[in-house]
């Protein structure tokens, strides 16, 4: 049963990714208040963060309050990034969602104080099925989450980057 659910999850993620990359999904562009979006992420992950002793915060700088895009897809990307950050942040760590104006555009970041990503793995984190720890191949997660995040961001005309230092944390922008 567990294996069947895992395969169903992978198939669902693959279909989602194919729709995003092929432009086959509906795209409901509208003004999206980032404070509301961040609030939903905090509501979903706040209890788990508290149980792990992780501080989960959100901050929207003046001028970065609204972005234009599909609210469901933007939330999907942020929920994924927040879940990953919480999974890789130890007790007593911090996960921060921020939005600020940079170069005339709104930059949204999810930063953590987790273990970080080694330099040799960083260029591959958005690749399909890529997992940094090969021992995790049988565990939950399809290895498609960051590929989906990248497809969502690119569908919105943006770019997504990852910066990290092993032992110091990671920031997705």
N, C-alpha and C. Protein backbone atom coordinates (compact mmCIF):
# COMPACT_ATOMS: atom_id res chain seq x y z
N UNK A 1 0.82 -1.19 0.00
CA UNK A 1 0.00 0.00 0.00
C UNK A 1 0.86 1.26 0.00
N UNK A 2 1.90 1.25 0.84
CA UNK A 2 2.78 2.41 0.90
C UNK A 2 3.48 2.65 -0.43
N UNK A 3 3.93 1.57 -1.04
CA UNK A 3 4.62 1.69 -2.33
C UNK A 3 3.66 2.18 -3.41
N UNK A 4 2.42 1.73 -3.39
CA UNK A 4 1.42 2.18 -4.35
C UNK A 4 1.16 3.67 -4.19
N UNK A 5 1.06 4.13 -2.95
CA UNK A 5 0.85 5.55 -2.71
C UNK A 5 2.04 6.37 -3.18
N UNK A 6 3.24 5.85 -2.97
CA UNK A 6 4.44 6.56 -3.42
C UNK A 6 4.45 6.67 -4.94
N UNK A 7 4.11 5.61 -5.64
CA UNK A 7 4.06 5.63 -7.10
C UNK A 7 2.97 6.59 -7.58
N UNK A 8 1.81 6.59 -6.93
CA UNK A 8 0.74 7.52 -7.30
C UNK A 8 1.21 8.96 -7.13
N UNK A 9 1.95 9.23 -6.06
CA UNK A 9 2.47 10.57 -5.80
C UNK A 9 3.46 10.98 -6.91
N UNK A 10 4.34 10.07 -7.30
CA UNK A 10 5.31 10.36 -8.36
C UNK A 10 4.59 10.62 -9.68
N UNK A 11 3.61 9.79 -10.01
CA UNK A 11 2.86 9.98 -11.26
C UNK A 11 2.13 11.32 -11.23
N UNK A 12 1.53 11.66 -10.12
CA UNK A 12 0.85 12.95 -9.99
C UNK A 12 1.81 14.11 -10.19
N UNK A 13 3.00 14.01 -9.57
CA UNK A 13 4.00 15.06 -9.73
C UNK A 13 4.48 15.16 -11.17
N UNK A 14 4.68 14.02 -11.82
CA UNK A 14 5.11 14.02 -13.22
C UNK A 14 4.06 14.66 -14.13
N UNK A 15 2.80 14.35 -13.90
CA UNK A 15 1.73 14.95 -14.69
C UNK A 15 1.67 16.46 -14.45
N UNK A 16 1.82 16.86 -13.20
CA UNK A 16 1.81 18.27 -12.85
C UNK A 16 2.96 18.99 -13.55
N UNK A 17 4.14 18.40 -13.50
CA UNK A 17 5.31 19.00 -14.14
C UNK A 17 5.13 19.09 -15.65
N UNK A 18 4.59 18.04 -16.26
CA UNK A 18 4.35 18.06 -17.71
C UNK A 18 3.37 19.16 -18.10
N UNK A 19 2.31 19.34 -17.30
CA UNK A 19 1.35 20.42 -17.59
C UNK A 19 2.01 21.78 -17.48
N UNK A 20 2.82 21.98 -16.44
CA UNK A 20 3.50 23.26 -16.25
C UNK A 20 4.48 23.56 -17.38
N UNK A 21 5.31 22.58 -17.72
CA UNK A 21 6.32 22.80 -18.74
C UNK A 21 5.72 22.90 -20.13
N UNK A 22 4.62 22.21 -20.35
CA UNK A 22 3.99 22.24 -21.67
C UNK A 22 2.98 23.35 -21.83
N UNK A 23 2.71 24.10 -20.76
CA UNK A 23 1.75 25.19 -20.84
C UNK A 23 0.31 24.70 -20.92
N UNK A 24 0.07 23.44 -20.55
CA UNK A 24 -1.26 22.87 -20.68
C UNK A 24 -2.19 23.12 -19.52
N UNK A 25 -1.71 23.74 -18.45
CA UNK A 25 -2.59 24.01 -17.33
C UNK A 25 -3.18 25.41 -17.45
N UNK A 26 -4.25 25.66 -16.72
CA UNK A 26 -4.83 27.00 -16.73
C UNK A 26 -3.97 27.89 -15.85
N UNK A 27 -3.89 29.13 -16.24
CA UNK A 27 -3.05 30.09 -15.54
C UNK A 27 -3.92 31.29 -15.20
N UNK A 28 -4.28 31.42 -13.94
CA UNK A 28 -5.20 32.44 -13.47
C UNK A 28 -4.41 33.61 -12.88
N UNK A 29 -3.90 34.49 -13.75
CA UNK A 29 -3.09 35.63 -13.30
C UNK A 29 -3.97 36.68 -12.64
N UNK A 30 -3.58 37.05 -11.44
CA UNK A 30 -4.28 38.09 -10.69
C UNK A 30 -3.31 38.68 -9.66
N UNK A 31 -3.72 39.77 -9.04
CA UNK A 31 -2.91 40.35 -7.97
C UNK A 31 -2.97 39.43 -6.76
N UNK A 32 -1.79 39.10 -6.22
CA UNK A 32 -1.70 38.17 -5.09
C UNK A 32 -1.00 38.89 -3.94
N UNK A 33 -1.70 39.13 -2.83
CA UNK A 33 -1.06 39.73 -1.66
C UNK A 33 -0.11 38.71 -1.01
N UNK A 34 1.17 39.05 -0.98
CA UNK A 34 2.15 38.12 -0.43
C UNK A 34 1.95 37.86 1.06
N UNK A 35 1.44 38.84 1.78
CA UNK A 35 1.18 38.62 3.20
C UNK A 35 0.16 37.48 3.40
N UNK A 36 -0.87 37.45 2.56
CA UNK A 36 -1.86 36.36 2.63
C UNK A 36 -1.23 35.02 2.27
N UNK A 37 -0.43 35.03 1.20
CA UNK A 37 0.24 33.82 0.75
C UNK A 37 1.19 33.28 1.83
N UNK A 38 2.00 34.16 2.38
CA UNK A 38 2.90 33.76 3.47
C UNK A 38 2.09 33.26 4.67
N UNK A 39 0.97 33.90 4.94
CA UNK A 39 0.13 33.49 6.07
C UNK A 39 -0.36 32.06 5.92
N UNK A 40 -0.73 31.67 4.70
CA UNK A 40 -1.18 30.29 4.47
C UNK A 40 -0.04 29.29 4.66
N UNK A 41 1.16 29.68 4.25
CA UNK A 41 2.33 28.80 4.46
C UNK A 41 2.60 28.65 5.96
N UNK A 42 2.56 29.75 6.69
CA UNK A 42 2.79 29.69 8.14
C UNK A 42 1.71 28.86 8.83
N UNK A 43 0.47 29.01 8.39
CA UNK A 43 -0.63 28.24 9.00
C UNK A 43 -0.44 26.74 8.77
N UNK A 44 0.01 26.39 7.58
CA UNK A 44 0.17 24.97 7.26
C UNK A 44 1.35 24.35 7.99
N UNK A 45 2.45 25.08 8.13
CA UNK A 45 3.68 24.50 8.67
C UNK A 45 4.02 24.96 10.09
N UNK A 46 3.25 25.89 10.63
CA UNK A 46 3.57 26.46 11.94
C UNK A 46 3.62 25.44 13.06
N UNK A 47 2.65 24.55 13.11
CA UNK A 47 2.61 23.56 14.18
C UNK A 47 3.81 22.60 14.10
N UNK A 48 4.10 22.11 12.91
CA UNK A 48 5.24 21.21 12.73
C UNK A 48 6.55 21.92 13.09
N UNK A 49 6.67 23.18 12.70
CA UNK A 49 7.88 23.94 13.03
C UNK A 49 8.00 24.07 14.55
N UNK A 50 6.91 24.40 15.21
CA UNK A 50 6.92 24.53 16.66
C UNK A 50 7.31 23.23 17.36
N UNK A 51 6.79 22.12 16.85
CA UNK A 51 7.12 20.82 17.44
C UNK A 51 8.59 20.48 17.27
N UNK A 52 9.19 20.95 16.18
CA UNK A 52 10.62 20.70 15.93
C UNK A 52 11.50 21.78 16.57
N UNK A 53 10.88 22.78 17.22
CA UNK A 53 11.66 23.85 17.82
C UNK A 53 12.30 24.76 16.78
N UNK A 54 11.63 24.92 15.64
CA UNK A 54 12.14 25.77 14.56
C UNK A 54 11.31 27.04 14.51
N UNK A 55 12.00 28.18 14.44
CA UNK A 55 11.32 29.46 14.30
C UNK A 55 10.95 29.65 12.82
N UNK A 56 9.67 29.87 12.56
CA UNK A 56 9.17 30.07 11.20
C UNK A 56 8.62 31.49 11.11
N UNK A 57 9.23 32.31 10.24
CA UNK A 57 8.85 33.71 10.16
C UNK A 57 8.55 34.12 8.73
N UNK A 58 7.87 35.25 8.61
CA UNK A 58 7.58 35.82 7.29
C UNK A 58 7.65 37.34 7.39
N UNK A 59 8.21 37.95 6.36
CA UNK A 59 8.31 39.41 6.33
C UNK A 59 8.17 39.90 4.90
N UNK A 60 7.31 40.89 4.72
CA UNK A 60 7.10 41.50 3.41
C UNK A 60 7.53 42.96 3.51
N UNK A 61 8.54 43.33 2.73
CA UNK A 61 9.05 44.70 2.75
C UNK A 61 8.10 45.64 2.02
N UNK A 62 8.12 46.92 2.38
CA UNK A 62 7.31 47.89 1.66
C UNK A 62 7.62 47.87 0.16
N UNK A 63 6.56 47.91 -0.64
CA UNK A 63 6.70 47.88 -2.08
C UNK A 63 6.63 46.48 -2.67
N UNK A 64 6.71 45.46 -1.80
CA UNK A 64 6.68 44.07 -2.27
C UNK A 64 5.40 43.36 -1.84
N UNK A 65 4.39 44.12 -1.52
CA UNK A 65 3.17 43.53 -0.96
C UNK A 65 2.37 42.70 -1.96
N UNK A 66 2.42 43.06 -3.24
CA UNK A 66 1.57 42.41 -4.25
C UNK A 66 2.44 41.91 -5.41
N UNK A 67 2.16 40.68 -5.85
CA UNK A 67 2.74 40.16 -7.09
C UNK A 67 1.59 39.75 -7.99
N UNK A 68 1.87 39.65 -9.27
CA UNK A 68 0.86 39.19 -10.21
C UNK A 68 1.18 37.76 -10.60
N UNK A 69 0.19 36.89 -10.46
CA UNK A 69 0.40 35.50 -10.82
C UNK A 69 -0.78 34.65 -10.44
N UNK A 70 -0.62 33.37 -10.61
CA UNK A 70 -1.65 32.40 -10.25
C UNK A 70 -1.48 32.08 -8.77
N UNK A 71 -2.44 32.47 -7.93
CA UNK A 71 -2.27 32.30 -6.48
C UNK A 71 -2.09 30.84 -6.06
N UNK A 72 -2.77 29.92 -6.71
CA UNK A 72 -2.64 28.51 -6.34
C UNK A 72 -1.25 27.98 -6.66
N UNK A 73 -0.74 28.32 -7.84
CA UNK A 73 0.59 27.85 -8.24
C UNK A 73 1.69 28.51 -7.40
N UNK A 74 1.54 29.80 -7.12
CA UNK A 74 2.54 30.47 -6.28
C UNK A 74 2.56 29.86 -4.88
N UNK A 75 1.38 29.56 -4.36
CA UNK A 75 1.33 28.92 -3.05
C UNK A 75 1.96 27.53 -3.10
N UNK A 76 1.69 26.78 -4.16
CA UNK A 76 2.28 25.45 -4.31
C UNK A 76 3.81 25.53 -4.25
N UNK A 77 4.39 26.49 -4.94
CA UNK A 77 5.84 26.64 -4.94
C UNK A 77 6.35 27.00 -3.54
N UNK A 78 5.71 27.94 -2.89
CA UNK A 78 6.15 28.34 -1.55
C UNK A 78 5.96 27.23 -0.52
N UNK A 79 4.84 26.52 -0.60
CA UNK A 79 4.61 25.42 0.34
C UNK A 79 5.70 24.36 0.18
N UNK A 80 6.08 24.08 -1.06
CA UNK A 80 7.12 23.10 -1.32
C UNK A 80 8.45 23.55 -0.74
N UNK A 81 8.82 24.79 -0.99
CA UNK A 81 10.09 25.30 -0.48
C UNK A 81 10.12 25.33 1.04
N UNK A 82 9.01 25.73 1.65
CA UNK A 82 8.94 25.76 3.12
C UNK A 82 9.04 24.36 3.71
N UNK A 83 8.34 23.40 3.10
CA UNK A 83 8.40 22.01 3.58
C UNK A 83 9.82 21.47 3.49
N UNK A 84 10.50 21.74 2.38
CA UNK A 84 11.89 21.30 2.23
C UNK A 84 12.78 21.94 3.29
N UNK A 85 12.61 23.25 3.49
CA UNK A 85 13.44 23.96 4.46
C UNK A 85 13.23 23.39 5.86
N UNK A 86 11.99 23.12 6.23
CA UNK A 86 11.71 22.57 7.56
C UNK A 86 12.28 21.15 7.70
N UNK A 87 12.23 20.39 6.64
CA UNK A 87 12.73 19.02 6.67
C UNK A 87 14.25 19.00 6.92
N UNK A 88 14.96 20.02 6.45
CA UNK A 88 16.41 20.02 6.52
C UNK A 88 16.97 20.99 7.56
N UNK A 89 16.12 21.52 8.42
CA UNK A 89 16.56 22.43 9.47
C UNK A 89 16.47 21.73 10.82
N UNK A 90 17.55 21.76 11.58
CA UNK A 90 17.54 21.08 12.89
C UNK A 90 16.80 21.90 13.95
N UNK A 91 16.51 21.22 15.04
CA UNK A 91 15.87 21.85 16.21
C UNK A 91 16.65 23.11 16.57
N UNK A 92 15.91 24.17 16.87
CA UNK A 92 16.53 25.43 17.24
C UNK A 92 16.89 26.30 16.04
N UNK A 93 16.64 25.79 14.82
CA UNK A 93 16.96 26.55 13.62
C UNK A 93 15.87 27.54 13.25
N UNK A 94 16.02 28.10 12.08
CA UNK A 94 15.09 29.13 11.63
C UNK A 94 14.80 28.96 10.14
N UNK A 95 13.54 29.17 9.76
CA UNK A 95 13.12 29.22 8.37
C UNK A 95 12.40 30.55 8.18
N UNK A 96 12.85 31.32 7.19
CA UNK A 96 12.29 32.65 6.97
C UNK A 96 11.80 32.81 5.54
N UNK A 97 10.59 33.30 5.40
CA UNK A 97 10.02 33.68 4.11
C UNK A 97 10.09 35.20 4.04
N UNK A 98 10.67 35.72 2.97
CA UNK A 98 10.77 37.17 2.83
C UNK A 98 10.42 37.59 1.42
N UNK A 99 9.98 38.82 1.30
CA UNK A 99 9.72 39.43 0.00
C UNK A 99 10.25 40.85 0.05
N UNK A 100 10.99 41.24 -0.98
CA UNK A 100 11.56 42.58 -1.06
C UNK A 100 11.67 42.98 -2.52
N UNK A 101 11.75 44.27 -2.76
CA UNK A 101 11.93 44.77 -4.11
C UNK A 101 13.42 44.78 -4.41
N UNK A 102 13.78 44.12 -5.52
CA UNK A 102 15.18 44.09 -5.97
C UNK A 102 15.21 44.32 -7.47
N UNK A 103 15.88 45.36 -7.88
CA UNK A 103 16.00 45.65 -9.31
C UNK A 103 14.67 45.86 -10.00
N UNK A 104 13.71 46.45 -9.33
CA UNK A 104 12.41 46.74 -9.93
C UNK A 104 11.44 45.57 -9.93
N UNK A 105 11.84 44.43 -9.39
CA UNK A 105 10.97 43.26 -9.31
C UNK A 105 10.87 42.80 -7.86
N UNK A 106 9.89 41.98 -7.59
CA UNK A 106 9.74 41.43 -6.24
C UNK A 106 10.51 40.12 -6.17
N UNK A 107 11.41 40.05 -5.19
CA UNK A 107 12.18 38.83 -4.94
C UNK A 107 11.60 38.16 -3.70
N UNK A 108 11.21 36.92 -3.86
CA UNK A 108 10.67 36.13 -2.75
C UNK A 108 11.72 35.09 -2.40
N UNK A 109 12.04 34.98 -1.11
CA UNK A 109 13.05 34.01 -0.69
C UNK A 109 12.52 33.13 0.43
N UNK A 110 13.02 31.91 0.45
CA UNK A 110 12.82 30.99 1.56
C UNK A 110 14.22 30.58 1.99
N UNK A 111 14.58 30.96 3.22
CA UNK A 111 15.92 30.71 3.75
C UNK A 111 15.82 29.83 4.98
N UNK A 112 16.83 28.98 5.17
CA UNK A 112 16.85 28.16 6.37
C UNK A 112 18.25 28.14 6.96
N UNK A 113 18.34 27.69 8.18
CA UNK A 113 19.62 27.55 8.87
C UNK A 113 19.95 26.07 9.00
N UNK A 114 19.60 25.32 7.99
CA UNK A 114 19.81 23.88 8.00
C UNK A 114 21.21 23.48 7.62
N UNK A 115 21.34 22.23 7.24
CA UNK A 115 22.65 21.63 6.95
C UNK A 115 23.31 22.21 5.71
N UNK A 116 22.52 22.82 4.84
CA UNK A 116 23.08 23.36 3.61
C UNK A 116 23.26 22.30 2.55
N UNK A 117 23.68 22.72 1.39
CA UNK A 117 23.86 21.84 0.25
C UNK A 117 25.31 21.98 -0.22
N UNK A 118 25.99 20.87 -0.38
CA UNK A 118 27.38 20.89 -0.84
C UNK A 118 27.47 21.47 -2.24
N UNK A 119 28.58 22.14 -2.55
CA UNK A 119 28.72 22.79 -3.86
C UNK A 119 28.53 21.85 -5.05
N UNK A 120 28.94 20.59 -4.92
CA UNK A 120 28.81 19.67 -6.05
C UNK A 120 27.35 19.30 -6.33
N UNK A 121 26.48 19.45 -5.35
CA UNK A 121 25.07 19.12 -5.53
C UNK A 121 24.23 20.32 -5.97
N UNK A 122 24.66 21.50 -5.63
CA UNK A 122 23.87 22.71 -5.86
C UNK A 122 23.41 22.89 -7.31
N UNK A 123 24.25 22.65 -8.32
CA UNK A 123 23.79 22.84 -9.71
C UNK A 123 22.69 21.87 -10.14
N UNK A 124 22.46 20.81 -9.36
CA UNK A 124 21.52 19.77 -9.77
C UNK A 124 20.20 19.77 -8.99
N UNK A 125 20.04 20.68 -8.03
CA UNK A 125 18.86 20.59 -7.15
C UNK A 125 17.53 20.75 -7.87
N UNK A 126 17.53 21.38 -9.06
CA UNK A 126 16.28 21.55 -9.80
C UNK A 126 16.06 20.45 -10.84
N UNK A 127 16.99 19.50 -10.92
CA UNK A 127 16.86 18.39 -11.86
C UNK A 127 15.80 17.40 -11.37
N UNK A 128 15.08 16.83 -12.31
CA UNK A 128 14.07 15.82 -11.97
C UNK A 128 14.71 14.64 -11.27
N UNK A 129 14.05 14.18 -10.22
CA UNK A 129 14.43 12.99 -9.45
C UNK A 129 15.74 13.13 -8.70
N UNK A 130 16.36 14.31 -8.70
CA UNK A 130 17.65 14.45 -8.03
C UNK A 130 17.45 14.51 -6.52
N UNK A 131 18.17 13.66 -5.83
CA UNK A 131 18.18 13.67 -4.37
C UNK A 131 19.62 13.71 -3.91
N UNK A 132 19.92 14.61 -3.02
CA UNK A 132 21.29 14.80 -2.56
C UNK A 132 21.78 13.56 -1.83
N UNK A 133 20.91 12.97 -1.01
CA UNK A 133 21.28 11.80 -0.24
C UNK A 133 20.73 10.56 -0.93
N UNK A 134 21.57 9.78 -1.60
CA UNK A 134 21.06 8.61 -2.32
C UNK A 134 20.38 7.59 -1.41
N UNK A 135 20.66 7.64 -0.12
CA UNK A 135 20.02 6.72 0.82
C UNK A 135 18.54 7.04 0.99
N UNK A 136 18.10 8.22 0.53
CA UNK A 136 16.71 8.63 0.70
C UNK A 136 15.82 8.22 -0.46
N UNK A 137 16.32 7.46 -1.42
CA UNK A 137 15.53 7.14 -2.60
C UNK A 137 14.26 6.38 -2.27
N UNK A 138 14.24 5.61 -1.21
CA UNK A 138 13.04 4.86 -0.87
C UNK A 138 12.10 5.61 0.05
N UNK A 139 12.50 6.79 0.50
CA UNK A 139 11.69 7.56 1.43
C UNK A 139 10.68 8.42 0.68
N UNK A 140 9.84 9.09 1.47
CA UNK A 140 8.81 9.93 0.86
C UNK A 140 9.44 11.03 0.02
N UNK A 141 8.68 11.52 -0.91
CA UNK A 141 9.18 12.54 -1.81
C UNK A 141 9.52 11.92 -3.14
N UNK A 142 9.15 12.62 -4.19
CA UNK A 142 9.34 12.08 -5.53
C UNK A 142 10.64 12.52 -6.17
N UNK A 143 11.31 13.52 -5.57
CA UNK A 143 12.49 14.08 -6.23
C UNK A 143 12.10 15.04 -7.34
N UNK A 144 10.82 15.44 -7.35
CA UNK A 144 10.32 16.35 -8.40
C UNK A 144 9.93 17.71 -7.85
N UNK A 145 9.92 17.86 -6.54
CA UNK A 145 9.42 19.09 -5.93
C UNK A 145 10.10 20.35 -6.42
N UNK A 146 11.43 20.36 -6.44
CA UNK A 146 12.14 21.56 -6.89
C UNK A 146 12.03 21.76 -8.39
N UNK A 147 11.87 20.68 -9.14
CA UNK A 147 11.61 20.82 -10.59
C UNK A 147 10.26 21.50 -10.81
N UNK A 148 9.29 21.15 -9.99
CA UNK A 148 7.96 21.77 -10.08
C UNK A 148 8.05 23.24 -9.69
N UNK A 149 8.78 23.54 -8.61
CA UNK A 149 8.97 24.94 -8.21
C UNK A 149 9.57 25.73 -9.37
N UNK A 150 10.61 25.20 -10.00
CA UNK A 150 11.26 25.89 -11.12
C UNK A 150 10.28 26.12 -12.26
N UNK A 151 9.48 25.12 -12.59
CA UNK A 151 8.51 25.25 -13.68
C UNK A 151 7.46 26.31 -13.35
N UNK A 152 7.01 26.36 -12.11
CA UNK A 152 6.02 27.37 -11.70
C UNK A 152 6.61 28.77 -11.83
N UNK A 153 7.81 28.95 -11.30
CA UNK A 153 8.45 30.27 -11.33
C UNK A 153 8.69 30.70 -12.78
N UNK A 154 9.18 29.80 -13.61
CA UNK A 154 9.43 30.15 -15.01
C UNK A 154 8.14 30.44 -15.76
N UNK A 155 7.08 29.73 -15.42
CA UNK A 155 5.77 29.98 -16.05
C UNK A 155 5.28 31.39 -15.72
N UNK A 156 5.73 31.91 -14.57
CA UNK A 156 5.38 33.27 -14.17
C UNK A 156 6.36 34.31 -14.72
N UNK A 157 7.32 33.87 -15.54
CA UNK A 157 8.28 34.80 -16.12
C UNK A 157 9.45 35.12 -15.21
N UNK A 158 9.60 34.35 -14.14
CA UNK A 158 10.68 34.61 -13.20
C UNK A 158 11.80 33.59 -13.31
N UNK A 159 12.74 33.72 -12.42
CA UNK A 159 13.84 32.77 -12.32
C UNK A 159 13.94 32.32 -10.87
N UNK A 160 14.46 31.13 -10.68
CA UNK A 160 14.65 30.62 -9.32
C UNK A 160 16.10 30.22 -9.18
N UNK A 161 16.68 30.55 -8.03
CA UNK A 161 18.06 30.21 -7.76
C UNK A 161 18.17 29.59 -6.37
N UNK A 162 19.25 28.87 -6.18
CA UNK A 162 19.56 28.31 -4.87
C UNK A 162 20.97 28.71 -4.50
N UNK A 163 21.14 29.20 -3.29
CA UNK A 163 22.46 29.53 -2.76
C UNK A 163 22.60 28.82 -1.43
N UNK A 164 23.77 28.24 -1.20
CA UNK A 164 23.94 27.47 0.02
C UNK A 164 25.39 27.35 0.40
N UNK A 165 25.59 27.14 1.69
CA UNK A 165 26.90 26.80 2.21
C UNK A 165 26.70 25.63 3.16
N UNK A 166 27.41 24.56 2.92
CA UNK A 166 27.29 23.38 3.78
C UNK A 166 27.49 23.77 5.24
N UNK A 167 26.57 23.34 6.07
CA UNK A 167 26.63 23.63 7.50
C UNK A 167 26.06 24.97 7.90
N UNK A 168 25.66 25.79 6.94
CA UNK A 168 25.17 27.13 7.26
C UNK A 168 23.74 27.42 6.81
N UNK A 169 23.21 26.63 5.90
CA UNK A 169 21.85 26.85 5.45
C UNK A 169 21.75 27.10 3.97
N UNK A 170 20.51 27.26 3.52
CA UNK A 170 20.21 27.41 2.10
C UNK A 170 19.17 28.50 1.91
N UNK A 171 19.29 29.20 0.79
CA UNK A 171 18.30 30.21 0.41
C UNK A 171 17.87 29.95 -1.02
N UNK A 172 16.56 29.81 -1.20
CA UNK A 172 15.96 29.73 -2.54
C UNK A 172 15.32 31.08 -2.80
N UNK A 173 15.62 31.67 -3.96
CA UNK A 173 15.07 32.99 -4.32
C UNK A 173 14.34 32.89 -5.64
